[in-house]
Amino acid sequence: PAHSPLPSRRFATIGAPVPASVHCMAETPAPAAEEELRRWAQTNARRDEIVQEAVTAGVKISRIQQITGISRTDIMRILARAPKRPLLRLVGKD
């Protein structure tokens, strides 16, 4: 059966449809996208600290996982890296 040949993928045709993902990227100006990345980086930089504080406050690991989307394995790694508080010992007077 006769069929039309597929167009060559080597050359872009002017006026050809652009994939939706490219349209989405083109609509966001670079400075706005960079600012979003900066906000994300600032928040993410405190991730471990916030998770540790939540556990200390009594939030269950499963609840932290539900709220944040952080895997249970990653939460356990965060807690394992947490600095240990020194034990205070009472020393009697000599």
PDB file of N, CA and C in Angstrom:
ATOM      1  N   PRO A   1       0.816  -1.191   0.000  1.00  0.00           N
ATOM      2  CA  PRO A   1       0.000   0.000   0.000  1.00  0.00           C
ATOM      3  C   PRO A   1       0.858   1.252   0.000  1.00  0.00           C
ATOM      4  N   ALA A   2       0.400   2.243  -0.706  1.00  0.00           N
ATOM      5  CA  ALA A   2       1.143   3.502  -0.789  1.00  0.00           C
ATOM      6  C   ALA A   2       0.888   4.342   0.453  1.00  0.00           C
ATOM      7  N   HIS A   3       1.928   4.959   0.942  1.00  0.00           N
ATOM      8  CA  HIS A   3       1.804   5.886   2.073  1.00  0.00           C
ATOM      9  C   HIS A   3       2.824   6.993   1.902  1.00  0.00           C
ATOM     10  N   SER A   4       2.568   8.098   2.559  1.00  0.00           N
ATOM     11  CA  SER A   4       3.481   9.228   2.406  1.00  0.00           C
ATOM     12  C   SER A   4       4.716   8.995   3.267  1.00  0.00           C
ATOM     13  N   PRO A   5       5.878   9.357   2.746  1.00  0.00           N
ATOM     14  CA  PRO A   5       7.108   9.159   3.520  1.00  0.00           C
ATOM     15  C   PRO A   5       7.125  10.101   4.736  1.00  0.00           C
ATOM     16  N   LEU A   6       7.776   9.657   5.795  1.00  0.00           N
ATOM     17  CA  LEU A   6       7.902  10.492   6.992  1.00  0.00           C
ATOM     18  C   LEU A   6       8.863  11.629   6.715  1.00  0.00           C
ATOM     19  N   PRO A   7       8.596  12.798   7.254  1.00  0.00           N
ATOM     20  CA  PRO A   7       9.518  13.919   7.027  1.00  0.00           C
ATOM     21  C   PRO A   7      10.863  13.649   7.708  1.00  0.00           C
ATOM     22  N   SER A   8      11.903  14.210   7.134  1.00  0.00           N
ATOM     23  CA  SER A   8      13.235  14.051   7.701  1.00  0.00           C
ATOM     24  C   SER A   8      13.296  14.729   9.067  1.00  0.00           C
ATOM     25  N   ARG A   9      13.956  14.093  10.013  1.00  0.00           N
ATOM     26  CA  ARG A   9      14.092  14.667  11.356  1.00  0.00           C
ATOM     27  C   ARG A   9      15.342  15.532  11.473  1.00  0.00           C
ATOM     28  N   ARG A  10      16.122  15.614  10.404  1.00  0.00           N
ATOM     29  CA  ARG A  10      17.363  16.376  10.470  1.00  0.00           C
ATOM     30  C   ARG A  10      17.133  17.883  10.432  1.00  0.00           C
ATOM     31  N   PHE A  11      16.063  18.324   9.826  1.00  0.00           N
ATOM     32  CA  PHE A  11      15.840  19.751   9.658  1.00  0.00           C
ATOM     33  C   PHE A  11      14.499  20.150  10.245  1.00  0.00           C
ATOM     34  N   ALA A  12      14.496  21.257  10.929  1.00  0.00           N
ATOM     35  CA  ALA A  12      13.238  21.766  11.481  1.00  0.00           C
ATOM     36  C   ALA A  12      12.504  22.548  10.398  1.00  0.00           C
ATOM     37  N   THR A  13      11.214  22.397  10.354  1.00  0.00           N
ATOM     38  CA  THR A  13      10.403  23.112   9.384  1.00  0.00           C
ATOM     39  C   THR A  13       9.838  24.359  10.058  1.00  0.00           C
ATOM     40  N   ILE A  14       9.950  25.480   9.402  1.00  0.00           N
ATOM     41  CA  ILE A  14       9.402  26.718   9.948  1.00  0.00           C
ATOM     42  C   ILE A  14       7.894  26.566  10.064  1.00  0.00           C
ATOM     43  N   GLY A  15       7.375  26.918  11.222  1.00  0.00           N
ATOM     44  CA  GLY A  15       5.948  26.819  11.447  1.00  0.00           C
ATOM     45  C   GLY A  15       5.513  25.436  11.910  1.00  0.00           C
ATOM     46  N   ALA A  16       6.484  24.525  12.073  1.00  0.00           N
ATOM     47  CA  ALA A  16       6.149  23.178  12.551  1.00  0.00           C
ATOM     48  C   ALA A  16       5.711  23.264  14.008  1.00  0.00           C
ATOM     49  N   PRO A  17       4.796  22.389  14.422  1.00  0.00           N
ATOM     50  CA  PRO A  17       4.355  22.419  15.812  1.00  0.00           C
ATOM     51  C   PRO A  17       5.522  22.147  16.761  1.00  0.00           C
ATOM     52  N   VAL A  18       5.516  22.848  17.874  1.00  0.00           N
ATOM     53  CA  VAL A  18       6.564  22.698  18.887  1.00  0.00           C
ATOM     54  C   VAL A  18       5.995  21.843  20.006  1.00  0.00           C
ATOM     55  N   PRO A  19       6.746  20.865  20.495  1.00  0.00           N
ATOM     56  CA  PRO A  19       6.239  20.038  21.588  1.00  0.00           C
ATOM     57  C   PRO A  19       5.820  20.895  22.779  1.00  0.00           C
ATOM     58  N   ALA A  20       4.800  20.442  23.506  1.00  0.00           N
ATOM     59  CA  ALA A  20       4.255  21.199  24.635  1.00  0.00           C
ATOM     60  C   ALA A  20       5.314  21.511  25.665  1.00  0.00           C
ATOM     61  N   SER A  21       6.248  20.588  25.909  1.00  0.00           N
ATOM     62  CA  SER A  21       7.274  20.822  26.921  1.00  0.00           C
ATOM     63  C   SER A  21       8.140  22.029  26.565  1.00  0.00           C
ATOM     64  N   VAL A  22       8.397  22.237  25.279  1.00  0.00           N
ATOM     65  CA  VAL A  22       9.187  23.384  24.845  1.00  0.00           C
ATOM     66  C   VAL A  22       8.383  24.674  25.023  1.00  0.00           C
ATOM     67  N   HIS A  23       7.071  24.629  24.746  1.00  0.00           N
ATOM     68  CA  HIS A  23       6.235  25.803  24.961  1.00  0.00           C
ATOM     69  C   HIS A  23       6.269  26.222  26.424  1.00  0.00           C
ATOM     70  N   CYS A  24       6.172  25.261  27.321  1.00  0.00           N
ATOM     71  CA  CYS A  24       6.157  25.569  28.754  1.00  0.00           C
ATOM     72  C   CYS A  24       7.454  26.230  29.172  1.00  0.00           C
ATOM     73  N   MET A  25       8.568  25.725  28.661  1.00  0.00           N
ATOM     74  CA  MET A  25       9.847  26.305  29.035  1.00  0.00           C
ATOM     75  C   MET A  25       9.978  27.708  28.459  1.00  0.00           C
ATOM     76  N   ALA A  26       9.487  27.935  27.285  1.00  0.00           N
ATOM     77  CA  ALA A  26       9.640  29.225  26.631  1.00  0.00           C
ATOM     78  C   ALA A  26       8.816  30.308  27.323  1.00  0.00           C
ATOM     79  N   GLU A  27       7.699  29.933  27.960  1.00  0.00           N
ATOM     80  CA  GLU A  27       6.831  30.925  28.575  1.00  0.00           C
ATOM     81  C   GLU A  27       7.406  31.489  29.866  1.00  0.00           C
ATOM     82  N   THR A  28       8.315  30.769  30.542  1.00  0.00           N
ATOM     83  CA  THR A  28       8.889  31.235  31.790  1.00  0.00           C
ATOM     84  C   THR A  28      10.161  32.004  31.493  1.00  0.00           C
ATOM     85  N   PRO A  29      10.193  33.281  31.839  1.00  0.00           N
ATOM     86  CA  PRO A  29      11.425  34.040  31.612  1.00  0.00           C
ATOM     87  C   PRO A  29      12.552  33.484  32.488  1.00  0.00           C
ATOM     88  N   ALA A  30      13.757  33.484  31.981  1.00  0.00           N
ATOM     89  CA  ALA A  30      14.902  32.927  32.697  1.00  0.00           C
ATOM     90  C   ALA A  30      15.080  33.529  34.092  1.00  0.00           C
ATOM     91  N   PRO A  31      14.981  34.851  34.263  1.00  0.00           N
ATOM     92  CA  PRO A  31      15.170  35.401  35.613  1.00  0.00           C
ATOM     93  C   PRO A  31      14.149  34.867  36.630  1.00  0.00           C
ATOM     94  N   ALA A  32      12.915  34.684  36.215  1.00  0.00           N
ATOM     95  CA  ALA A  32      11.894  34.151  37.122  1.00  0.00           C
ATOM     96  C   ALA A  32      12.200  32.706  37.472  1.00  0.00           C
ATOM     97  N   ALA A  33      12.637  31.936  36.495  1.00  0.00           N
ATOM     98  CA  ALA A  33      12.985  30.539  36.734  1.00  0.00           C
ATOM     99  C   ALA A  33      14.189  30.435  37.665  1.00  0.00           C
ATOM    100  N   GLU A  34      15.158  31.310  37.481  1.00  0.00           N
ATOM    101  CA  GLU A  34      16.334  31.309  38.352  1.00  0.00           C
ATOM    102  C   GLU A  34      15.956  31.678  39.785  1.00  0.00           C
ATOM    103  N   GLU A  35      15.043  32.605  39.949  1.00  0.00           N
ATOM    104  CA  GLU A  35      14.590  32.983  41.295  1.00  0.00           C
ATOM    105  C   GLU A  35      13.882  31.812  41.967  1.00  0.00           C
ATOM    106  N   GLU A  36      13.070  31.078  41.211  1.00  0.00           N
ATOM    107  CA  GLU A  36      12.422  29.878  41.754  1.00  0.00           C
ATOM    108  C   GLU A  36      13.467  28.883  42.230  1.00  0.00           C
ATOM    109  N   LEU A  37      14.517  28.685  41.441  1.00  0.00           N
ATOM    110  CA  LEU A  37      15.587  27.763  41.828  1.00  0.00           C
ATOM    111  C   LEU A  37      16.290  28.232  43.095  1.00  0.00           C
ATOM    112  N   ARG A  38      16.497  29.536  43.232  1.00  0.00           N
ATOM    113  CA  ARG A  38      17.131  30.072  44.447  1.00  0.00           C
ATOM    114  C   ARG A  38      16.271  29.812  45.676  1.00  0.00           C
ATOM    115  N   ARG A  39      14.961  30.028  45.552  1.00  0.00           N
ATOM    116  CA  ARG A  39      14.058  29.768  46.683  1.00  0.00           C
ATOM    117  C   ARG A  39      14.063  28.295  47.049  1.00  0.00           C
ATOM    118  N   TRP A  40      14.052  27.435  46.030  1.00  0.00           N
ATOM    119  CA  TRP A  40      14.094  25.993  46.279  1.00  0.00           C
ATOM    120  C   TRP A  40      15.383  25.615  46.998  1.00  0.00           C
ATOM    121  N   ALA A  41      16.520  26.169  46.551  1.00  0.00           N
ATOM    122  CA  ALA A  41      17.817  25.847  47.152  1.00  0.00           C
ATOM    123  C   ALA A  41      17.867  26.301  48.611  1.00  0.00           C
ATOM    124  N   GLN A  42      17.318  27.482  48.911  1.00  0.00           N
ATOM    125  CA  GLN A  42      17.308  27.970  50.287  1.00  0.00           C
ATOM    126  C   GLN A  42      16.491  27.058  51.189  1.00  0.00           C
ATOM    127  N   THR A  43      15.338  26.653  50.719  1.00  0.00           N
ATOM    128  CA  THR A  43      14.485  25.765  51.503  1.00  0.00           C
ATOM    129  C   THR A  43      15.131  24.396  51.638  1.00  0.00           C
ATOM    130  N   ASN A  44      15.658  23.867  50.551  1.00  0.00           N
ATOM    131  CA  ASN A  44      16.260  22.542  50.566  1.00  0.00           C
ATOM    132  C   ASN A  44      17.514  22.492  51.432  1.00  0.00           C
ATOM    133  N   ALA A  45      18.221  23.610  51.555  1.00  0.00           N
ATOM    134  CA  ALA A  45      19.432  23.658  52.377  1.00  0.00           C
ATOM    135  C   ALA A  45      19.108  23.373  53.841  1.00  0.00           C
ATOM    136  N   ARG A  46      17.904  23.670  54.275  1.00  0.00           N
ATOM    137  CA  ARG A  46      17.493  23.454  55.668  1.00  0.00           C
ATOM    138  C   ARG A  46      16.718  22.153  55.846  1.00  0.00           C
ATOM    139  N   ARG A  47      16.596  21.350  54.806  1.00  0.00           N
ATOM    140  CA  ARG A  47      15.791  20.135  54.853  1.00  0.00           C
ATOM    141  C   ARG A  47      16.157  19.230  56.024  1.00  0.00           C
ATOM    142  N   ASP A  48      17.447  18.903  56.163  1.00  0.00           N
ATOM    143  CA  ASP A  48      17.862  17.978  57.209  1.00  0.00           C
ATOM    144  C   ASP A  48      17.542  18.539  58.596  1.00  0.00           C
ATOM    145  N   GLU A  49      17.840  19.809  58.777  1.00  0.00           N
ATOM    146  CA  GLU A  49      17.568  20.467  60.061  1.00  0.00           C
ATOM    147  C   GLU A  49      16.074  20.428  60.401  1.00  0.00           C
ATOM    148  N   ILE A  50      15.240  20.696  59.431  1.00  0.00           N
ATOM    149  CA  ILE A  50      13.791  20.717  59.655  1.00  0.00           C
ATOM    150  C   ILE A  50      13.279  19.314  59.982  1.00  0.00           C
ATOM    151  N   VAL A  51      13.792  18.298  59.267  1.00  0.00           N
ATOM    152  CA  VAL A  51      13.385  16.913  59.540  1.00  0.00           C
ATOM    153  C   VAL A  51      13.803  16.522  60.959  1.00  0.00           C
ATOM    154  N   GLN A  52      15.014  16.859  61.349  1.00  0.00           N
ATOM    155  CA  GLN A  52      15.500  16.539  62.692  1.00  0.00           C
ATOM    156  C   GLN A  52      14.655  17.219  63.765  1.00  0.00           C
ATOM    157  N   GLU A  53      14.310  18.476  63.536  1.00  0.00           N
ATOM    158  CA  GLU A  53      13.470  19.198  64.491  1.00  0.00           C
ATOM    159  C   GLU A  53      12.087  18.568  64.599  1.00  0.00           C
ATOM    160  N   ALA A  54      11.551  18.119  63.483  1.00  0.00           N
ATOM    161  CA  ALA A  54      10.227  17.493  63.501  1.00  0.00           C
ATOM    162  C   ALA A  54      10.250  16.202  64.316  1.00  0.00           C
ATOM    163  N   VAL A  55      11.276  15.391  64.135  1.00  0.00           N
ATOM    164  CA  VAL A  55      11.389  14.147  64.899  1.00  0.00           C
ATOM    165  C   VAL A  55      11.537  14.464  66.389  1.00  0.00           C
ATOM    166  N   THR A  56      12.358  15.449  66.712  1.00  0.00           N
ATOM    167  CA  THR A  56      12.540  15.857  68.104  1.00  0.00           C
ATOM    168  C   THR A  56      11.223  16.330  68.707  1.00  0.00           C
ATOM    169  N   ALA A  57      10.398  16.967  67.897  1.00  0.00           N
ATOM    170  CA  ALA A  57       9.101  17.475  68.371  1.00  0.00           C
ATOM    171  C   ALA A  57       8.066  16.360  68.491  1.00  0.00           C
ATOM    172  N   GLY A  58       8.402  15.158  68.012  1.00  0.00           N
ATOM    173  CA  GLY A  58       7.488  14.040  68.153  1.00  0.00           C
ATOM    174  C   GLY A  58       6.717  13.655  66.903  1.00  0.00           C
ATOM    175  N   VAL A  59       7.065  14.227  65.767  1.00  0.00           N
ATOM    176  CA  VAL A  59       6.389  13.865  64.520  1.00  0.00           C
ATOM    177  C   VAL A  59       6.929  12.508  64.073  1.00  0.00           C
ATOM    178  N   LYS A  60       6.031  11.591  63.750  1.00  0.00           N
ATOM    179  CA  LYS A  60       6.433  10.248  63.329  1.00  0.00           C
ATOM    180  C   LYS A  60       7.068  10.295  61.948  1.00  0.00           C
ATOM    181  N   ILE A  61       7.991   9.375  61.730  1.00  0.00           N
ATOM    182  CA  ILE A  61       8.702   9.297  60.452  1.00  0.00           C
ATOM    183  C   ILE A  61       7.724   9.087  59.302  1.00  0.00           C
ATOM    184  N   SER A  62       6.717   8.253  59.514  1.00  0.00           N
ATOM    185  CA  SER A  62       5.739   8.016  58.435  1.00  0.00           C
ATOM    186  C   SER A  62       5.001   9.302  58.077  1.00  0.00           C
ATOM    187  N   ARG A  63       4.731  10.138  59.069  1.00  0.00           N
ATOM    188  CA  ARG A  63       4.034  11.413  58.812  1.00  0.00           C
ATOM    189  C   ARG A  63       4.955  12.386  58.073  1.00  0.00           C
ATOM    190  N   ILE A  64       6.219  12.415  58.451  1.00  0.00           N
ATOM    191  CA  ILE A  64       7.190  13.269  57.742  1.00  0.00           C
ATOM    192  C   ILE A  64       7.259  12.840  56.285  1.00  0.00           C
ATOM    193  N   GLN A  65       7.258  11.535  56.061  1.00  0.00           N
ATOM    194  CA  GLN A  65       7.298  11.004  54.699  1.00  0.00           C
ATOM    195  C   GLN A  65       6.061  11.438  53.913  1.00  0.00           C
ATOM    196  N   GLN A  66       4.895  11.355  54.528  1.00  0.00           N
ATOM    197  CA  GLN A  66       3.656  11.752  53.853  1.00  0.00           C
ATOM    198  C   GLN A  66       3.663  13.231  53.495  1.00  0.00           C
ATOM    199  N   ILE A  67       4.101  14.053  54.414  1.00  0.00           N
ATOM    200  CA  ILE A  67       4.059  15.507  54.206  1.00  0.00           C
ATOM    201  C   ILE A  67       5.098  15.964  53.192  1.00  0.00           C
ATOM    202  N   THR A  68       6.316  15.438  53.299  1.00  0.00           N
ATOM    203  CA  THR A  68       7.424  15.956  52.487  1.00  0.00           C
ATOM    204  C   THR A  68       7.676  15.200  51.195  1.00  0.00           C
ATOM    205  N   GLY A  69       7.294  13.925  51.162  1.00  0.00           N
ATOM    206  CA  GLY A  69       7.631  13.110  50.002  1.00  0.00           C
ATOM    207  C   GLY A  69       9.044  12.566  50.067  1.00  0.00           C
ATOM    208  N   ILE A  70       9.754  12.823  51.155  1.00  0.00           N
ATOM    209  CA  ILE A  70      11.101  12.284  51.335  1.00  0.00           C
ATOM    210  C   ILE A  70      10.948  10.804  51.690  1.00  0.00           C
ATOM    211  N   SER A  71      11.755   9.967  51.078  1.00  0.00           N
ATOM    212  CA  SER A  71      11.641   8.531  51.348  1.00  0.00           C
ATOM    213  C   SER A  71      12.039   8.214  52.788  1.00  0.00           C
ATOM    214  N   ARG A  72      11.493   7.122  53.291  1.00  0.00           N
ATOM    215  CA  ARG A  72      11.817   6.694  54.653  1.00  0.00           C
ATOM    216  C   ARG A  72      13.323   6.458  54.795  1.00  0.00           C
ATOM    217  N   THR A  73      13.930   5.882  53.766  1.00  0.00           N
ATOM    218  CA  THR A  73      15.374   5.629  53.788  1.00  0.00           C
ATOM    219  C   THR A  73      16.141   6.938  53.938  1.00  0.00           C
ATOM    220  N   ASP A  74      15.751   7.962  53.175  1.00  0.00           N
ATOM    221  CA  ASP A  74      16.437   9.255  53.272  1.00  0.00           C
ATOM    222  C   ASP A  74      16.219   9.896  54.640  1.00  0.00           C
ATOM    223  N   ILE A  75      15.033   9.756  55.195  1.00  0.00           N
ATOM    224  CA  ILE A  75      14.773  10.303  56.535  1.00  0.00           C
ATOM    225  C   ILE A  75      15.680   9.622  57.551  1.00  0.00           C
ATOM    226  N   MET A  76      15.821   8.307  57.438  1.00  0.00           N
ATOM    227  CA  MET A  76      16.692   7.584  58.365  1.00  0.00           C
ATOM    228  C   MET A  76      18.157   8.014  58.196  1.00  0.00           C
ATOM    229  N   ARG A  77      18.578   8.279  56.973  1.00  0.00           N
ATOM    230  CA  ARG A  77      19.951   8.775  56.738  1.00  0.00           C
ATOM    231  C   ARG A  77      20.136  10.157  57.368  1.00  0.00           C
ATOM    232  N   ILE A  78      19.137  11.011  57.215  1.00  0.00           N
ATOM    233  CA  ILE A  78      19.202  12.349  57.811  1.00  0.00           C
ATOM    234  C   ILE A  78      19.359  12.230  59.322  1.00  0.00           C
ATOM    235  N   LEU A  79      18.577  11.360  59.941  1.00  0.00           N
ATOM    236  CA  LEU A  79      18.638  11.200  61.389  1.00  0.00           C
ATOM    237  C   LEU A  79      19.963  10.581  61.831  1.00  0.00           C
ATOM    238  N   ALA A  80      20.521   9.696  61.018  1.00  0.00           N
ATOM    239  CA  ALA A  80      21.811   9.079  61.352  1.00  0.00           C
ATOM    240  C   ALA A  80      22.944  10.092  61.301  1.00  0.00           C
ATOM    241  N   ARG A  81      22.812  11.101  60.429  1.00  0.00           N
ATOM    242  CA  ARG A  81      23.853  12.147  60.305  1.00  0.00           C
ATOM    243  C   ARG A  81      23.703  13.235  61.349  1.00  0.00           C
ATOM    244  N   ALA A  82      22.595  13.226  62.078  1.00  0.00           N
ATOM    245  CA  ALA A  82      22.334  14.293  63.045  1.00  0.00           C
ATOM    246  C   ALA A  82      23.455  14.337  64.080  1.00  0.00           C
ATOM    247  N   PRO A  83      23.928  15.536  64.388  1.00  0.00           N
ATOM    248  CA  PRO A  83      24.962  15.620  65.419  1.00  0.00           C
ATOM    249  C   PRO A  83      24.392  15.141  66.752  1.00  0.00           C
ATOM    250  N   LYS A  84      25.171  14.339  67.438  1.00  0.00           N
ATOM    251  CA  LYS A  84      24.730  13.828  68.727  1.00  0.00           C
ATOM    252  C   LYS A  84      24.978  14.885  69.796  1.00  0.00           C
ATOM    253  N   ARG A  85      23.984  15.058  70.654  1.00  0.00           N
ATOM    254  CA  ARG A  85      24.154  16.007  71.758  1.00  0.00           C
ATOM    255  C   ARG A  85      25.042  15.368  72.813  1.00  0.00           C
ATOM    256  N   PRO A  86      25.979  16.123  73.348  1.00  0.00           N
ATOM    257  CA  PRO A  86      26.849  15.539  74.373  1.00  0.00           C
ATOM    258  C   PRO A  86      26.054  15.237  75.642  1.00  0.00           C
ATOM    259  N   LEU A  87      26.408  14.154  76.300  1.00  0.00           N
ATOM    260  CA  LEU A  87      25.765  13.822  77.562  1.00  0.00           C
ATOM    261  C   LEU A  87      26.376  14.688  78.655  1.00  0.00           C
ATOM    262  N   LEU A  88      25.533  15.265  79.478  1.00  0.00           N
ATOM    263  CA  LEU A  88      26.015  16.078  80.595  1.00  0.00           C
ATOM    264  C   LEU A  88      26.145  15.172  81.814  1.00  0.00           C
ATOM    265  N   ARG A  89      27.284  15.236  82.449  1.00  0.00           N
ATOM    266  CA  ARG A  89      27.492  14.445  83.655  1.00  0.00           C
ATOM    267  C   ARG A  89      27.669  15.378  84.823  1.00  0.00           C
ATOM    268  N   LEU A  90      27.051  15.033  85.893  1.00  0.00           N
ATOM    269  CA  LEU A  90      27.228  15.797  87.121  1.00  0.00           C
ATOM    270  C   LEU A  90      28.531  15.347  87.767  1.00  0.00           C
ATOM    271  N   VAL A  91      29.359  16.314  88.094  1.00  0.00           N
ATOM    272  CA  VAL A  91      30.641  16.010  88.717  1.00  0.00           C
ATOM    273  C   VAL A  91      30.591  16.570  90.130  1.00  0.00           C
ATOM    274  N   GLY A  92      30.891  15.719  91.072  1.00  0.00           N
ATOM    275  CA  GLY A  92      30.880  16.161  92.483  1.00  0.00           C
ATOM    276  C   GLY A  92      32.074  17.056  92.801  1.00  0.00           C
ATOM    277  N   LYS A  93      31.910  17.834  93.863  1.00  0.00           N
ATOM    278  CA  LYS A  93      33.018  18.726  94.277  1.00  0.00           C
ATOM    279  C   LYS A  93      34.088  17.900  94.953  1.00  0.00           C
ATOM    280  N   ASP A  94      35.336  18.217  94.703  1.00  0.00           N
ATOM    281  CA  ASP A  94      36.459  17.510  95.347  1.00  0.00           C
ATOM    282  C   ASP A  94      36.928  18.212  96.568  1.00  0.00           C
TER     283      ASP A  94
END
